[in-house]
Amino acid sequence: MKTFRPVTQAVVDSRRRISLGKAGVAEDTRYEVSISDDGDILLTPLATIPARERLIWERPDIMASIDQGFSDVAAGRVTRRSFIHALEYEDVD
């Protein structure tokens, strides 16, 4: 289980907002807000991804293929080709 340490105190303003700047939170950071049965509030940082990239995270086979590609590049198992070169070998029927 994670341990938490007090960082600062925050006061809810008239519009029911609190400032997290003293806790070191950057501007425009997005959080999921969870509340326990006894009133503890947990803020979990979120990363927003474009909908077109969601498939990558939902399909382990696609993620594995991308990871393999990164590994191949890191190990030097790739050959650089131009788009024009690829078109020369394309089967056009």
PDB file of N, CA and C in Angstrom:
ATOM      1  N   MET A   1       0.833  -1.176   0.000  1.00  0.00           N
ATOM      2  CA  MET A   1       0.000   0.000   0.000  1.00  0.00           C
ATOM      3  C   MET A   1       0.880   1.244   0.000  1.00  0.00           C
ATOM      4  N   LYS A   2       0.482   2.236  -0.746  1.00  0.00           N
ATOM      5  CA  LYS A   2       1.229   3.494  -0.799  1.00  0.00           C
ATOM      6  C   LYS A   2       1.062   4.245   0.519  1.00  0.00           C
ATOM      7  N   THR A   3       2.096   4.976   0.868  1.00  0.00           N
ATOM      8  CA  THR A   3       1.992   5.838   2.040  1.00  0.00           C
ATOM      9  C   THR A   3       1.926   7.287   1.570  1.00  0.00           C
ATOM     10  N   PHE A   4       1.204   8.077   2.299  1.00  0.00           N
ATOM     11  CA  PHE A   4       1.045   9.487   1.970  1.00  0.00           C
ATOM     12  C   PHE A   4       1.605  10.321   3.103  1.00  0.00           C
ATOM     13  N   ARG A   5       2.087  11.508   2.747  1.00  0.00           N
ATOM     14  CA  ARG A   5       2.604  12.439   3.757  1.00  0.00           C
ATOM     15  C   ARG A   5       1.905  13.776   3.579  1.00  0.00           C
ATOM     16  N   PRO A   6       1.596  14.443   4.660  1.00  0.00           N
ATOM     17  CA  PRO A   6       0.977  15.770   4.534  1.00  0.00           C
ATOM     18  C   PRO A   6       1.930  16.735   3.835  1.00  0.00           C
ATOM     19  N   VAL A   7       1.406  17.514   2.899  1.00  0.00           N
ATOM     20  CA  VAL A   7       2.224  18.473   2.156  1.00  0.00           C
ATOM     21  C   VAL A   7       1.785  19.892   2.477  1.00  0.00           C
ATOM     22  N   THR A   8       0.507  20.126   2.526  1.00  0.00           N
ATOM     23  CA  THR A   8      -0.033  21.456   2.785  1.00  0.00           C
ATOM     24  C   THR A   8      -1.484  21.312   3.199  1.00  0.00           C
ATOM     25  N   GLN A   9      -2.097  22.407   3.577  1.00  0.00           N
ATOM     26  CA  GLN A   9      -3.531  22.431   3.833  1.00  0.00           C
ATOM     27  C   GLN A   9      -4.187  23.242   2.738  1.00  0.00           C
ATOM     28  N   ALA A  10      -5.409  22.899   2.431  1.00  0.00           N
ATOM     29  CA  ALA A  10      -6.162  23.623   1.406  1.00  0.00           C
ATOM     30  C   ALA A  10      -7.543  23.932   1.955  1.00  0.00           C
ATOM     31  N   VAL A  11      -8.057  25.097   1.589  1.00  0.00           N
ATOM     32  CA  VAL A  11      -9.379  25.525   2.033  1.00  0.00           C
ATOM     33  C   VAL A  11     -10.293  25.606   0.821  1.00  0.00           C
ATOM     34  N   VAL A  12     -11.471  25.045   0.939  1.00  0.00           N
ATOM     35  CA  VAL A  12     -12.453  25.116  -0.137  1.00  0.00           C
ATOM     36  C   VAL A  12     -13.003  26.540  -0.180  1.00  0.00           C
ATOM     37  N   ASP A  13     -12.985  27.154  -1.375  1.00  0.00           N
ATOM     38  CA  ASP A  13     -13.495  28.528  -1.487  1.00  0.00           C
ATOM     39  C   ASP A  13     -15.006  28.523  -1.723  1.00  0.00           C
ATOM     40  N   SER A  14     -15.582  29.704  -1.919  1.00  0.00           N
ATOM     41  CA  SER A  14     -17.033  29.840  -2.071  1.00  0.00           C
ATOM     42  C   SER A  14     -17.572  29.129  -3.316  1.00  0.00           C
ATOM     43  N   ARG A  15     -16.689  28.871  -4.269  1.00  0.00           N
ATOM     44  CA  ARG A  15     -17.101  28.151  -5.486  1.00  0.00           C
ATOM     45  C   ARG A  15     -16.741  26.668  -5.402  1.00  0.00           C
ATOM     46  N   ARG A  16     -16.417  26.197  -4.184  1.00  0.00           N
ATOM     47  CA  ARG A  16     -16.087  24.793  -3.898  1.00  0.00           C
ATOM     48  C   ARG A  16     -14.824  24.314  -4.611  1.00  0.00           C
ATOM     49  N   ARG A  17     -13.840  25.185  -4.716  1.00  0.00           N
ATOM     50  CA  ARG A  17     -12.555  24.851  -5.342  1.00  0.00           C
ATOM     51  C   ARG A  17     -11.458  24.863  -4.291  1.00  0.00           C
ATOM     52  N   ILE A  18     -10.391  24.133  -4.565  1.00  0.00           N
ATOM     53  CA  ILE A  18      -9.188  24.210  -3.742  1.00  0.00           C
ATOM     54  C   ILE A  18      -7.993  24.409  -4.664  1.00  0.00           C
ATOM     55  N   SER A  19      -6.963  25.035  -4.153  1.00  0.00           N
ATOM     56  CA  SER A  19      -5.737  25.241  -4.913  1.00  0.00           C
ATOM     57  C   SER A  19      -4.734  24.161  -4.528  1.00  0.00           C
ATOM     58  N   LEU A  20      -4.101  23.566  -5.531  1.00  0.00           N
ATOM     59  CA  LEU A  20      -3.105  22.521  -5.279  1.00  0.00           C
ATOM     60  C   LEU A  20      -1.684  22.975  -5.605  1.00  0.00           C
ATOM     61  N   GLY A  21      -1.525  24.251  -5.878  1.00  0.00           N
ATOM     62  CA  GLY A  21      -0.211  24.784  -6.243  1.00  0.00           C
ATOM     63  C   GLY A  21       0.856  24.536  -5.200  1.00  0.00           C
ATOM     64  N   LYS A  22       0.515  24.653  -3.927  1.00  0.00           N
ATOM     65  CA  LYS A  22       1.505  24.435  -2.864  1.00  0.00           C
ATOM     66  C   LYS A  22       1.925  22.971  -2.769  1.00  0.00           C
ATOM     67  N   ALA A  23       1.147  22.092  -3.359  1.00  0.00           N
ATOM     68  CA  ALA A  23       1.495  20.670  -3.365  1.00  0.00           C
ATOM     69  C   ALA A  23       2.382  20.331  -4.561  1.00  0.00           C
ATOM     70  N   GLY A  24       2.716  21.330  -5.375  1.00  0.00           N
ATOM     71  CA  GLY A  24       3.603  21.113  -6.503  1.00  0.00           C
ATOM     72  C   GLY A  24       2.905  20.654  -7.770  1.00  0.00           C
ATOM     73  N   VAL A  25       1.608  20.832  -7.840  1.00  0.00           N
ATOM     74  CA  VAL A  25       0.848  20.397  -9.006  1.00  0.00           C
ATOM     75  C   VAL A  25       0.987  21.425 -10.121  1.00  0.00           C
ATOM     76  N   ALA A  26       1.267  20.941 -11.327  1.00  0.00           N
ATOM     77  CA  ALA A  26       1.420  21.824 -12.482  1.00  0.00           C
ATOM     78  C   ALA A  26       0.054  22.241 -13.022  1.00  0.00           C
ATOM     79  N   GLU A  27       0.015  23.387 -13.652  1.00  0.00           N
ATOM     80  CA  GLU A  27      -1.212  23.897 -14.269  1.00  0.00           C
ATOM     81  C   GLU A  27      -1.716  22.926 -15.332  1.00  0.00           C
ATOM     82  N   ASP A  28      -3.013  22.812 -15.451  1.00  0.00           N
ATOM     83  CA  ASP A  28      -3.692  21.969 -16.446  1.00  0.00           C
ATOM     84  C   ASP A  28      -3.468  20.472 -16.253  1.00  0.00           C
ATOM     85  N   THR A  29      -3.055  20.054 -15.055  1.00  0.00           N
ATOM     86  CA  THR A  29      -2.927  18.628 -14.769  1.00  0.00           C
ATOM     87  C   THR A  29      -4.322  18.075 -14.505  1.00  0.00           C
ATOM     88  N   ARG A  30      -4.634  16.934 -15.123  1.00  0.00           N
ATOM     89  CA  ARG A  30      -5.961  16.316 -15.003  1.00  0.00           C
ATOM     90  C   ARG A  30      -5.889  15.178 -13.989  1.00  0.00           C
ATOM     91  N   TYR A  31      -6.926  15.061 -13.138  1.00  0.00           N
ATOM     92  CA  TYR A  31      -6.970  14.031 -12.103  1.00  0.00           C
ATOM     93  C   TYR A  31      -8.309  13.310 -12.091  1.00  0.00           C
ATOM     94  N   GLU A  32      -8.249  12.039 -11.718  1.00  0.00           N
ATOM     95  CA  GLU A  32      -9.451  11.314 -11.339  1.00  0.00           C
ATOM     96  C   GLU A  32      -9.617  11.553  -9.845  1.00  0.00           C
ATOM     97  N   VAL A  33     -10.819  11.865  -9.410  1.00  0.00           N
ATOM     98  CA  VAL A  33     -11.078  12.146  -7.999  1.00  0.00           C
ATOM     99  C   VAL A  33     -11.861  10.977  -7.415  1.00  0.00           C
ATOM    100  N   SER A  34     -11.321  10.370  -6.360  1.00  0.00           N
ATOM    101  CA  SER A  34     -11.993   9.266  -5.669  1.00  0.00           C
ATOM    102  C   SER A  34     -12.206   9.673  -4.222  1.00  0.00           C
ATOM    103  N   ILE A  35     -13.343   9.278  -3.667  1.00  0.00           N
ATOM    104  CA  ILE A  35     -13.663   9.599  -2.276  1.00  0.00           C
ATOM    105  C   ILE A  35     -13.983   8.298  -1.550  1.00  0.00           C
ATOM    106  N   SER A  36     -13.322   8.093  -0.410  1.00  0.00           N
ATOM    107  CA  SER A  36     -13.561   6.886   0.380  1.00  0.00           C
ATOM    108  C   SER A  36     -14.821   7.065   1.226  1.00  0.00           C
ATOM    109  N   ASP A  37     -15.265   5.960   1.830  1.00  0.00           N
ATOM    110  CA  ASP A  37     -16.458   6.008   2.678  1.00  0.00           C
ATOM    111  C   ASP A  37     -16.288   6.936   3.867  1.00  0.00           C
ATOM    112  N   ASP A  38     -15.035   7.109   4.338  1.00  0.00           N
ATOM    113  CA  ASP A  38     -14.822   8.001   5.487  1.00  0.00           C
ATOM    114  C   ASP A  38     -14.390   9.413   5.082  1.00  0.00           C
ATOM    115  N   GLY A  39     -14.489   9.744   3.786  1.00  0.00           N
ATOM    116  CA  GLY A  39     -14.270  11.115   3.341  1.00  0.00           C
ATOM    117  C   GLY A  39     -12.885  11.451   2.819  1.00  0.00           C
ATOM    118  N   ASP A  40     -11.961  10.493   2.835  1.00  0.00           N
ATOM    119  CA  ASP A  40     -10.644  10.757   2.264  1.00  0.00           C
ATOM    120  C   ASP A  40     -10.780  10.968   0.755  1.00  0.00           C
ATOM    121  N   ILE A  41     -10.038  11.932   0.231  1.00  0.00           N
ATOM    122  CA  ILE A  41     -10.067  12.229  -1.199  1.00  0.00           C
ATOM    123  C   ILE A  41      -8.718  11.830  -1.790  1.00  0.00           C
ATOM    124  N   LEU A  42      -8.769  11.051  -2.863  1.00  0.00           N
ATOM    125  CA  LEU A  42      -7.564  10.613  -3.560  1.00  0.00           C
ATOM    126  C   LEU A  42      -7.590  11.194  -4.962  1.00  0.00           C
ATOM    127  N   LEU A  43      -6.526  11.895  -5.336  1.00  0.00           N
ATOM    128  CA  LEU A  43      -6.381  12.435  -6.687  1.00  0.00           C
ATOM    129  C   LEU A  43      -5.362  11.588  -7.429  1.00  0.00           C
ATOM    130  N   THR A  44      -5.777  10.988  -8.537  1.00  0.00           N
ATOM    131  CA  THR A  44      -4.902  10.135  -9.337  1.00  0.00           C
ATOM    132  C   THR A  44      -4.613  10.835 -10.659  1.00  0.00           C
ATOM    133  N   PRO A  45      -3.340  11.169 -10.942  1.00  0.00           N
ATOM    134  CA  PRO A  45      -3.026  11.854 -12.204  1.00  0.00           C
ATOM    135  C   PRO A  45      -3.459  11.021 -13.413  1.00  0.00           C
ATOM    136  N   LEU A  46      -3.999  11.688 -14.405  1.00  0.00           N
ATOM    137  CA  LEU A  46      -4.448  11.042 -15.631  1.00  0.00           C
ATOM    138  C   LEU A  46      -3.665  11.573 -16.819  1.00  0.00           C
ATOM    139  N   ALA A  47      -3.556  10.754 -17.820  1.00  0.00           N
ATOM    140  CA  ALA A  47      -3.000  11.173 -19.101  1.00  0.00           C
ATOM    141  C   ALA A  47      -4.095  10.959 -20.134  1.00  0.00           C
ATOM    142  N   THR A  48      -4.408  11.981 -20.885  1.00  0.00           N
ATOM    143  CA  THR A  48      -5.438  11.881 -21.904  1.00  0.00           C
ATOM    144  C   THR A  48      -4.773  11.540 -23.238  1.00  0.00           C
ATOM    145  N   ILE A  49      -5.345  10.562 -23.932  1.00  0.00           N
ATOM    146  CA  ILE A  49      -4.812  10.190 -25.238  1.00  0.00           C
ATOM    147  C   ILE A  49      -5.890  10.420 -26.294  1.00  0.00           C
ATOM    148  N   PRO A  50      -5.496  10.687 -27.516  1.00  0.00           N
ATOM    149  CA  PRO A  50      -6.483  10.844 -28.587  1.00  0.00           C
ATOM    150  C   PRO A  50      -7.255   9.540 -28.797  1.00  0.00           C
ATOM    151  N   ALA A  51      -8.517   9.656 -29.167  1.00  0.00           N
ATOM    152  CA  ALA A  51      -9.362   8.479 -29.379  1.00  0.00           C
ATOM    153  C   ALA A  51      -8.752   7.538 -30.416  1.00  0.00           C
ATOM    154  N   ARG A  52      -8.091   8.089 -31.430  1.00  0.00           N
ATOM    155  CA  ARG A  52      -7.513   7.234 -32.477  1.00  0.00           C
ATOM    156  C   ARG A  52      -6.383   6.363 -31.947  1.00  0.00           C
ATOM    157  N   GLU A  53      -5.795   6.708 -30.796  1.00  0.00           N
ATOM    158  CA  GLU A  53      -4.721   5.913 -30.214  1.00  0.00           C
ATOM    159  C   GLU A  53      -5.229   4.929 -29.157  1.00  0.00           C
ATOM    160  N   ARG A  54      -6.494   5.014 -28.811  1.00  0.00           N
ATOM    161  CA  ARG A  54      -7.058   4.156 -27.769  1.00  0.00           C
ATOM    162  C   ARG A  54      -6.921   2.677 -28.119  1.00  0.00           C
ATOM    163  N   LEU A  55      -7.059   2.353 -29.387  1.00  0.00           N
ATOM    164  CA  LEU A  55      -6.973   0.967 -29.837  1.00  0.00           C
ATOM    165  C   LEU A  55      -5.648   0.324 -29.426  1.00  0.00           C
ATOM    166  N   ILE A  56      -4.582   1.103 -29.464  1.00  0.00           N
ATOM    167  CA  ILE A  56      -3.264   0.581 -29.096  1.00  0.00           C
ATOM    168  C   ILE A  56      -3.271   0.085 -27.652  1.00  0.00           C
ATOM    169  N   TRP A  57      -3.911   0.815 -26.766  1.00  0.00           N
ATOM    170  CA  TRP A  57      -3.932   0.473 -25.348  1.00  0.00           C
ATOM    171  C   TRP A  57      -4.934  -0.636 -25.053  1.00  0.00           C
ATOM    172  N   GLU A  58      -5.938  -0.790 -25.911  1.00  0.00           N
ATOM    173  CA  GLU A  58      -6.963  -1.818 -25.694  1.00  0.00           C
ATOM    174  C   GLU A  58      -6.593  -3.170 -26.296  1.00  0.00           C
ATOM    175  N   ARG A  59      -5.644  -3.180 -27.222  1.00  0.00           N
ATOM    176  CA  ARG A  59      -5.275  -4.422 -27.915  1.00  0.00           C
ATOM    177  C   ARG A  59      -3.832  -4.800 -27.593  1.00  0.00           C
ATOM    178  N   PRO A  60      -3.629  -5.771 -26.710  1.00  0.00           N
ATOM    179  CA  PRO A  60      -2.275  -6.175 -26.323  1.00  0.00           C
ATOM    180  C   PRO A  60      -1.433  -6.628 -27.510  1.00  0.00           C
ATOM    181  N   ASP A  61      -2.049  -7.211 -28.544  1.00  0.00           N
ATOM    182  CA  ASP A  61      -1.270  -7.661 -29.700  1.00  0.00           C
ATOM    183  C   ASP A  61      -0.676  -6.478 -30.461  1.00  0.00           C
ATOM    184  N   ILE A  62      -1.425  -5.395 -30.564  1.00  0.00           N
ATOM    185  CA  ILE A  62      -0.910  -4.196 -31.239  1.00  0.00           C
ATOM    186  C   ILE A  62       0.214  -3.571 -30.413  1.00  0.00           C
ATOM    187  N   MET A  63       0.002  -3.480 -29.088  1.00  0.00           N
ATOM    188  CA  MET A  63       1.037  -2.919 -28.209  1.00  0.00           C
ATOM    189  C   MET A  63       2.303  -3.767 -28.284  1.00  0.00           C
ATOM    190  N   ALA A  64       2.155  -5.090 -28.319  1.00  0.00           N
ATOM    191  CA  ALA A  64       3.322  -5.976 -28.415  1.00  0.00           C
ATOM    192  C   ALA A  64       4.065  -5.760 -29.726  1.00  0.00           C
ATOM    193  N   SER A  65       3.335  -5.549 -30.812  1.00  0.00           N
ATOM    194  CA  SER A  65       3.963  -5.302 -32.112  1.00  0.00           C
ATOM    195  C   SER A  65       4.758  -3.997 -32.093  1.00  0.00           C
ATOM    196  N   ILE A  66       4.191  -2.969 -31.484  1.00  0.00           N
ATOM    197  CA  ILE A  66       4.893  -1.685 -31.372  1.00  0.00           C
ATOM    198  C   ILE A  66       6.136  -1.837 -30.504  1.00  0.00           C
ATOM    199  N   ASP A  67       6.000  -2.534 -29.372  1.00  0.00           N
ATOM    200  CA  ASP A  67       7.156  -2.774 -28.497  1.00  0.00           C
ATOM    201  C   ASP A  67       8.259  -3.531 -29.239  1.00  0.00           C
ATOM    202  N   GLN A  68       7.863  -4.516 -30.057  1.00  0.00           N
ATOM    203  CA  GLN A  68       8.844  -5.272 -30.841  1.00  0.00           C
ATOM    204  C   GLN A  68       9.556  -4.356 -31.826  1.00  0.00           C
ATOM    205  N   GLY A  69       8.810  -3.446 -32.435  1.00  0.00           N
ATOM    206  CA  GLY A  69       9.420  -2.486 -33.349  1.00  0.00           C
ATOM    207  C   GLY A  69      10.449  -1.611 -32.648  1.00  0.00           C
ATOM    208  N   PHE A  70      10.121  -1.142 -31.443  1.00  0.00           N
ATOM    209  CA  PHE A  70      11.080  -0.338 -30.677  1.00  0.00           C
ATOM    210  C   PHE A  70      12.327  -1.157 -30.344  1.00  0.00           C
ATOM    211  N   SER A  71      12.119  -2.416 -29.966  1.00  0.00           N
ATOM    212  CA  SER A  71      13.258  -3.289 -29.651  1.00  0.00           C
ATOM    213  C   SER A  71      14.130  -3.504 -30.887  1.00  0.00           C
ATOM    214  N   ASP A  72      13.492  -3.713 -32.042  1.00  0.00           N
ATOM    215  CA  ASP A  72      14.240  -3.897 -33.282  1.00  0.00           C
ATOM    216  C   ASP A  72      15.077  -2.669 -33.613  1.00  0.00           C
ATOM    217  N   VAL A  73      14.507  -1.501 -33.450  1.00  0.00           N
ATOM    218  CA  VAL A  73      15.247  -0.261 -33.714  1.00  0.00           C
ATOM    219  C   VAL A  73      16.428  -0.142 -32.756  1.00  0.00           C
ATOM    220  N   ALA A  74      16.174  -0.375 -31.457  1.00  0.00           N
ATOM    221  CA  ALA A  74      17.241  -0.258 -30.454  1.00  0.00           C
ATOM    222  C   ALA A  74      18.383  -1.238 -30.724  1.00  0.00           C
ATOM    223  N   ALA A  75      18.053  -2.420 -31.257  1.00  0.00           N
ATOM    224  CA  ALA A  75      19.069  -3.440 -31.525  1.00  0.00           C
ATOM    225  C   ALA A  75      19.681  -3.312 -32.913  1.00  0.00           C
ATOM    226  N   GLY A  76      19.225  -2.335 -33.680  1.00  0.00           N
ATOM    227  CA  GLY A  76      19.777  -2.134 -35.008  1.00  0.00           C
ATOM    228  C   GLY A  76      19.271  -3.120 -36.052  1.00  0.00           C
ATOM    229  N   ARG A  77      18.138  -3.756 -35.784  1.00  0.00           N
ATOM    230  CA  ARG A  77      17.581  -4.744 -36.720  1.00  0.00           C
ATOM    231  C   ARG A  77      16.586  -4.099 -37.690  1.00  0.00           C
ATOM    232  N   VAL A  78      16.916  -2.950 -38.201  1.00  0.00           N
ATOM    233  CA  VAL A  78      16.038  -2.261 -39.152  1.00  0.00           C
ATOM    234  C   VAL A  78      16.873  -1.752 -40.324  1.00  0.00           C
ATOM    235  N   THR A  79      16.207  -1.543 -41.424  1.00  0.00           N
ATOM    236  CA  THR A  79      16.839  -0.976 -42.603  1.00  0.00           C
ATOM    237  C   THR A  79      16.042   0.246 -43.011  1.00  0.00           C
ATOM    238  N   ARG A  80      16.728   1.347 -43.192  1.00  0.00           N
ATOM    239  CA  ARG A  80      16.050   2.582 -43.589  1.00  0.00           C
ATOM    240  C   ARG A  80      15.725   2.511 -45.074  1.00  0.00           C
ATOM    241  N   ARG A  81      14.476   2.788 -45.398  1.00  0.00           N
ATOM    242  CA  ARG A  81      14.041   2.809 -46.796  1.00  0.00           C
ATOM    243  C   ARG A  81      13.218   4.054 -47.027  1.00  0.00           C
ATOM    244  N   SER A  82      13.314   4.568 -48.220  1.00  0.00           N
ATOM    245  CA  SER A  82      12.498   5.728 -48.559  1.00  0.00           C
ATOM    246  C   SER A  82      11.148   5.252 -49.056  1.00  0.00           C
ATOM    247  N   PHE A  83      10.182   6.111 -49.031  1.00  0.00           N
ATOM    248  CA  PHE A  83       8.846   5.796 -49.512  1.00  0.00           C
ATOM    249  C   PHE A  83       8.884   5.455 -50.994  1.00  0.00           C
ATOM    250  N   ILE A  84       9.677   6.190 -51.744  1.00  0.00           N
ATOM    251  CA  ILE A  84       9.790   5.956 -53.187  1.00  0.00           C
ATOM    252  C   ILE A  84      10.356   4.560 -53.439  1.00  0.00           C
ATOM    253  N   HIS A  85      11.363   4.161 -52.656  1.00  0.00           N
ATOM    254  CA  HIS A  85      11.957   2.833 -52.802  1.00  0.00           C
ATOM    255  C   HIS A  85      10.910   1.749 -52.546  1.00  0.00           C
ATOM    256  N   ALA A  86      10.077   1.939 -51.564  1.00  0.00           N
ATOM    257  CA  ALA A  86       9.034   0.962 -51.256  1.00  0.00           C
ATOM    258  C   ALA A  86       8.038   0.852 -52.399  1.00  0.00           C
ATOM    259  N   LEU A  87       7.735   1.946 -53.050  1.00  0.00           N
ATOM    260  CA  LEU A  87       6.790   1.927 -54.165  1.00  0.00           C
ATOM    261  C   LEU A  87       7.326   1.153 -55.365  1.00  0.00           C
ATOM    262  N   GLU A  88       8.647   1.135 -55.532  1.00  0.00           N
ATOM    263  CA  GLU A  88       9.243   0.408 -56.657  1.00  0.00           C
ATOM    264  C   GLU A  88       8.970  -1.078 -56.574  1.00  0.00           C
ATOM    265  N   TYR A  89       8.801  -1.605 -55.357  1.00  0.00           N
ATOM    266  CA  TYR A  89       8.597  -3.029 -55.178  1.00  0.00           C
ATOM    267  C   TYR A  89       7.145  -3.387 -54.919  1.00  0.00           C
ATOM    268  N   GLU A  90       6.277  -2.422 -54.935  1.00  0.00           N
ATOM    269  CA  GLU A  90       4.862  -2.674 -54.685  1.00  0.00           C
ATOM    270  C   GLU A  90       4.250  -3.440 -55.858  1.00  0.00           C
ATOM    271  N   ASP A  91       3.478  -4.450 -55.537  1.00  0.00           N
ATOM    272  CA  ASP A  91       2.816  -5.252 -56.578  1.00  0.00           C
ATOM    273  C   ASP A  91       1.593  -4.492 -57.040  1.00  0.00           C
ATOM    274  N   VAL A  92       1.627  -4.029 -58.273  1.00  0.00           N
ATOM    275  CA  VAL A  92       0.541  -3.236 -58.825  1.00  0.00           C
ATOM    276  C   VAL A  92      -0.199  -4.072 -59.855  1.00  0.00           C
ATOM    277  N   ASP A  93      -1.355  -4.585 -59.489  1.00  0.00           N
ATOM    278  CA  ASP A  93      -2.183  -5.367 -60.416  1.00  0.00           C
ATOM    279  C   ASP A  93      -3.565  -4.790 -60.505  1.00  0.00           C
TER     280      ASP A  93
END
